[in-house]
Amino acid sequence: MMINLEKENSSRADLRKRIVRTSMEAFATRGVKSVTMDDVAMMLGISKRTLYEVFEDKETLLIECLSDHHDQMVVFMREVLETSTNVLEVILKGYKKTIEDYRGTNIRFLQEIKKYPKVYELVRNHRKRDHDAAVAFFKKGVEQGLFRTDVNFSIVHLLVHEQLDLLMTNELFTQYSFMEVYESITFTFLRGVSTAKGATILEDFLIEYKSKNEF
């Protein structure tokens, strides 16, 4: 009986993970609104009843999708920290990961998140929880001689996120892709806070990265 229960729990956990990963990809490429629970069930080859037994509605599913994505990013950054030689290297690897994640993302996905109060609250809470760690991280970059000593990173970090948030409802995205906007904000910020040493590392990264990727 115990073995059967363990198998059942494992199977349910596997199903939950499949639902989350499949849904996240669909939401990201097509937008939240255009993906229904019927669509998710069909993509997974399961009944709608089975889907609703795991997730009671689309907002609950979307919350799980974003939480899972955030957790994956946290794990990735921890691994990067263990293999990197300085703070800027970690940031630039994180940037590459973000670009990879968002390369096929429909801007509607990012804009429509705001229409789900609990989901948007989750996103804001993630930012608040990560804020202190990010500021401490930038201060470590100051100690390494990569970032300027006269910058209030607490203020600047908040401004960067608020700027990205504001742009989600801006017509700018009818002219430029999210990646172009994200690149401009990220590197304008990094250039502004970097010392000569940091700027050299940053420009070397950009030369190499742009030679391999089309923006």
Protein backbone atom coordinates (compact mmCIF):
# COMPACT_ATOMS: atom_id res chain seq x y z
CA MET A 1 0.00 0.00 0.00
CA MET A 2 2.84 2.38 0.88
CA ILE A 3 4.61 1.66 -2.43
CA ASN A 4 1.42 2.32 -4.41
CA LEU A 5 0.91 5.61 -2.56
CA GLU A 6 4.48 6.68 -3.31
CA LYS A 7 4.00 5.84 -6.99
CA GLU A 8 0.75 7.78 -7.06
CA ASN A 9 2.38 10.82 -5.43
CA SER A 10 5.34 10.62 -7.80
CA SER A 11 3.06 10.33 -10.81
CA ARG A 12 1.01 13.30 -9.64
CA ALA A 13 4.15 15.36 -9.08
CA ASP A 14 5.40 14.47 -12.57
CA LEU A 15 2.04 15.46 -14.07
CA ARG A 16 2.08 18.76 -12.20
CA LYS A 17 5.56 19.52 -13.49
CA ARG A 18 4.56 18.66 -17.07
CA ILE A 19 1.52 20.89 -16.84
CA VAL A 20 3.58 23.80 -15.51
CA ARG A 21 6.41 23.53 -18.05
CA THR A 22 4.06 23.04 -21.02
CA SER A 23 1.78 25.88 -19.92
CA MET A 24 4.67 28.27 -19.33
CA GLU A 25 5.95 27.74 -22.85
CA ALA A 26 2.46 28.27 -24.30
CA PHE A 27 1.78 31.38 -22.21
CA ALA A 28 5.16 32.87 -23.13
CA THR A 29 4.87 32.33 -26.88
CA ARG A 30 1.16 33.03 -27.35
CA GLY A 31 0.24 35.30 -24.46
CA VAL A 32 -1.83 34.43 -21.39
CA LYS A 33 -5.23 35.41 -22.72
CA SER A 34 -5.04 33.32 -25.89
CA VAL A 35 -4.21 30.08 -24.04
CA THR A 36 -7.22 28.43 -22.42
CA MET A 37 -7.34 25.58 -19.93
CA ASP A 38 -8.84 23.50 -22.76
CA ASP A 39 -5.73 24.25 -24.84
CA VAL A 40 -3.45 23.15 -21.98
CA ALA A 41 -5.35 19.89 -21.50
CA MET A 42 -5.22 19.19 -25.24
CA MET A 43 -1.47 19.89 -25.47
CA LEU A 44 -0.82 17.44 -22.64
CA GLY A 45 -3.26 14.83 -23.87
CA ILE A 46 -5.19 14.81 -20.59
CA SER A 47 -8.82 15.49 -19.77
CA LYS A 48 -9.94 18.92 -18.64
CA ARG A 49 -11.20 17.29 -15.46
CA THR A 50 -7.72 15.97 -14.68
CA LEU A 51 -6.23 19.40 -15.28
CA TYR A 52 -8.71 21.08 -12.94
CA GLU A 53 -7.97 18.48 -10.26
CA VAL A 54 -4.38 19.77 -10.23
CA PHE A 55 -5.04 23.49 -10.87
CA GLU A 56 -8.38 25.06 -10.02
CA ASP A 57 -8.08 27.90 -12.56
CA LYS A 58 -5.72 29.61 -15.00
CA GLU A 59 -4.53 32.21 -12.51
CA THR A 60 -3.43 29.48 -10.08
CA LEU A 61 -1.63 27.72 -12.92
CA LEU A 62 0.06 30.95 -14.02
CA ILE A 63 1.25 31.60 -10.46
CA GLU A 64 2.84 28.14 -10.40
CA CYS A 65 4.44 28.73 -13.79
CA LEU A 66 6.10 31.98 -12.72
CA SER A 67 7.17 30.52 -9.36
CA ASP A 68 8.77 27.57 -11.14
CA HIS A 69 10.57 29.88 -13.58
CA HIS A 70 11.83 32.05 -10.71
CA ASP A 71 13.09 28.97 -8.83
CA GLN A 72 14.92 27.76 -11.94
CA MET A 73 16.62 31.14 -12.29
CA VAL A 74 17.68 31.11 -8.62
CA VAL A 75 19.27 27.67 -9.06
CA PHE A 76 21.01 28.82 -12.25
CA MET A 77 22.45 31.91 -10.56
CA ARG A 78 23.71 29.86 -7.61
CA GLU A 79 25.55 27.56 -10.03
CA VAL A 80 26.99 30.56 -11.87
CA LEU A 81 28.21 32.07 -8.60
CA GLU A 82 30.23 28.92 -7.90
CA THR A 83 32.04 29.04 -11.25
CA SER A 84 32.53 32.78 -11.84
CA THR A 85 35.54 34.90 -10.91
CA ASN A 86 33.76 38.23 -10.35
CA VAL A 87 30.39 39.90 -9.92
CA LEU A 88 30.17 41.31 -13.45
CA GLU A 89 30.75 37.88 -14.95
CA VAL A 90 27.79 36.58 -12.94
CA ILE A 91 25.57 39.45 -14.10
CA LEU A 92 26.49 38.94 -17.75
CA LYS A 93 25.83 35.19 -17.58
CA GLY A 94 22.50 35.99 -15.97
CA TYR A 95 21.78 38.41 -18.81
CA LYS A 96 22.50 35.72 -21.41
CA LYS A 97 20.19 33.32 -19.59
CA THR A 98 17.40 35.91 -19.48
CA ILE A 99 17.78 36.63 -23.20
CA GLU A 100 17.61 32.90 -23.95
CA ASP A 101 14.45 32.58 -21.85
CA TYR A 102 12.74 35.56 -23.45
CA ARG A 103 13.93 35.13 -27.05
CA GLY A 104 10.64 33.62 -28.19
CA THR A 105 8.44 35.44 -25.71
CA ASN A 106 5.39 37.30 -26.94
CA ILE A 107 5.26 40.77 -25.40
CA ARG A 108 1.56 40.18 -24.69
CA PHE A 109 2.60 37.62 -22.08
CA LEU A 110 4.48 40.26 -20.08
CA GLN A 111 1.74 42.84 -20.51
CA GLU A 112 -1.14 40.51 -19.61
CA ILE A 113 0.42 39.41 -16.32
CA LYS A 114 -0.75 42.72 -14.87
CA LYS A 115 -4.36 41.72 -15.50
CA TYR A 116 -4.10 38.95 -12.91
CA PRO A 117 -3.81 40.62 -9.47
CA LYS A 118 -2.44 37.60 -7.60
CA VAL A 119 0.08 36.89 -10.33
CA TYR A 120 1.30 40.47 -10.50
CA GLU A 121 1.55 40.56 -6.70
CA LEU A 122 3.74 37.45 -6.87
CA VAL A 123 6.05 39.13 -9.39
CA ARG A 124 6.34 42.22 -7.19
CA ASN A 125 7.01 40.07 -4.11
CA HIS A 126 9.79 38.21 -5.92
CA ARG A 127 11.40 41.54 -6.74
CA LYS A 128 11.14 42.75 -3.15
CA ARG A 129 12.65 39.54 -1.78
CA ASP A 130 15.50 39.63 -4.30
CA HIS A 131 16.22 43.34 -3.84
CA ASP A 132 18.48 43.18 -0.76
CA ALA A 133 20.50 40.31 -2.23
CA ALA A 134 20.93 42.22 -5.50
CA VAL A 135 22.12 45.37 -3.70
CA ALA A 136 24.59 43.37 -1.63
CA PHE A 137 25.80 41.77 -4.84
CA PHE A 138 26.45 45.14 -6.48
CA LYS A 139 28.31 46.30 -3.38
CA LYS A 140 30.55 43.27 -3.75
CA GLY A 141 31.25 44.51 -7.26
CA VAL A 142 32.32 47.83 -5.75
CA GLU A 143 34.78 45.95 -3.53
CA GLN A 144 36.14 44.17 -6.61
CA GLY A 145 36.77 47.52 -8.30
CA LEU A 146 34.15 46.88 -11.02
CA PHE A 147 31.47 49.35 -9.94
CA ARG A 148 31.63 52.97 -8.83
CA THR A 149 31.68 53.85 -5.14
CA ASP A 150 29.36 56.87 -5.50
CA VAL A 151 26.21 54.99 -6.62
CA ASN A 152 23.19 54.24 -4.41
CA PHE A 153 22.48 50.77 -5.75
CA SER A 154 19.29 50.42 -3.74
CA ILE A 155 17.73 53.34 -5.61
CA VAL A 156 19.16 52.44 -9.01
CA HIS A 157 18.08 48.79 -8.79
CA LEU A 158 14.51 49.84 -7.98
CA LEU A 159 14.50 52.37 -10.83
CA VAL A 160 15.63 49.78 -13.39
CA HIS A 161 12.80 47.43 -12.43
CA GLU A 162 10.23 50.21 -12.37
CA GLN A 163 11.41 51.34 -15.79
CA LEU A 164 10.94 47.84 -17.23
CA ASP A 165 7.57 47.59 -15.52
CA LEU A 166 6.39 50.89 -16.94
CA LEU A 167 7.45 49.94 -20.44
CA MET A 168 5.10 46.95 -20.38
CA THR A 169 2.21 49.31 -21.07
CA ASN A 170 4.13 51.60 -23.40
CA GLU A 171 3.79 51.79 -27.18
CA LEU A 172 7.56 51.40 -27.44
CA PHE A 173 7.03 47.69 -27.99
CA THR A 174 5.18 48.34 -31.23
CA GLN A 175 8.50 49.63 -32.59
CA TYR A 176 11.08 47.49 -30.82
CA SER A 177 11.27 43.95 -29.47
CA PHE A 178 11.40 43.25 -25.76
CA MET A 179 14.99 42.05 -26.14
CA GLU A 180 16.08 45.31 -27.76
CA VAL A 181 14.50 47.34 -24.96
CA TYR A 182 15.86 45.01 -22.25
CA GLU A 183 19.34 45.21 -23.77
CA SER A 184 19.27 49.01 -23.90
CA ILE A 185 18.13 49.37 -20.28
CA THR A 186 20.54 46.74 -18.95
CA PHE A 187 23.69 48.01 -20.64
CA THR A 188 22.93 51.69 -20.15
CA PHE A 189 22.65 50.87 -16.44
CA LEU A 190 25.82 48.75 -16.32
CA ARG A 191 27.88 51.29 -18.25
CA GLY A 192 26.69 54.01 -15.90
CA VAL A 193 27.74 52.22 -12.72
CA SER A 194 30.97 50.62 -13.98
CA THR A 195 34.51 51.75 -13.32
CA ALA A 196 37.09 51.70 -16.12
CA LYS A 197 37.95 48.13 -15.12
CA GLY A 198 34.31 47.07 -15.20
CA ALA A 199 33.66 48.89 -18.48
CA THR A 200 36.50 47.00 -20.17
CA ILE A 201 35.02 43.64 -19.12
CA LEU A 202 31.57 44.77 -20.23
CA GLU A 203 32.69 45.96 -23.68
CA ASP A 204 34.72 42.77 -24.27
CA PHE A 205 31.60 40.77 -23.44
CA LEU A 206 29.45 42.83 -25.82
CA ILE A 207 31.89 42.48 -28.72
CA GLU A 208 32.02 38.71 -28.32
CA TYR A 209 28.30 38.31 -27.65
CA LYS A 210 27.16 40.48 -30.56
CA SER A 211 29.47 38.62 -32.92
CA LYS A 212 27.56 35.42 -32.10
CA ASN A 213 24.02 36.76 -31.77
CA GLU A 214 21.64 38.91 -33.71
CA PHE A 215 19.79 41.47 -31.56
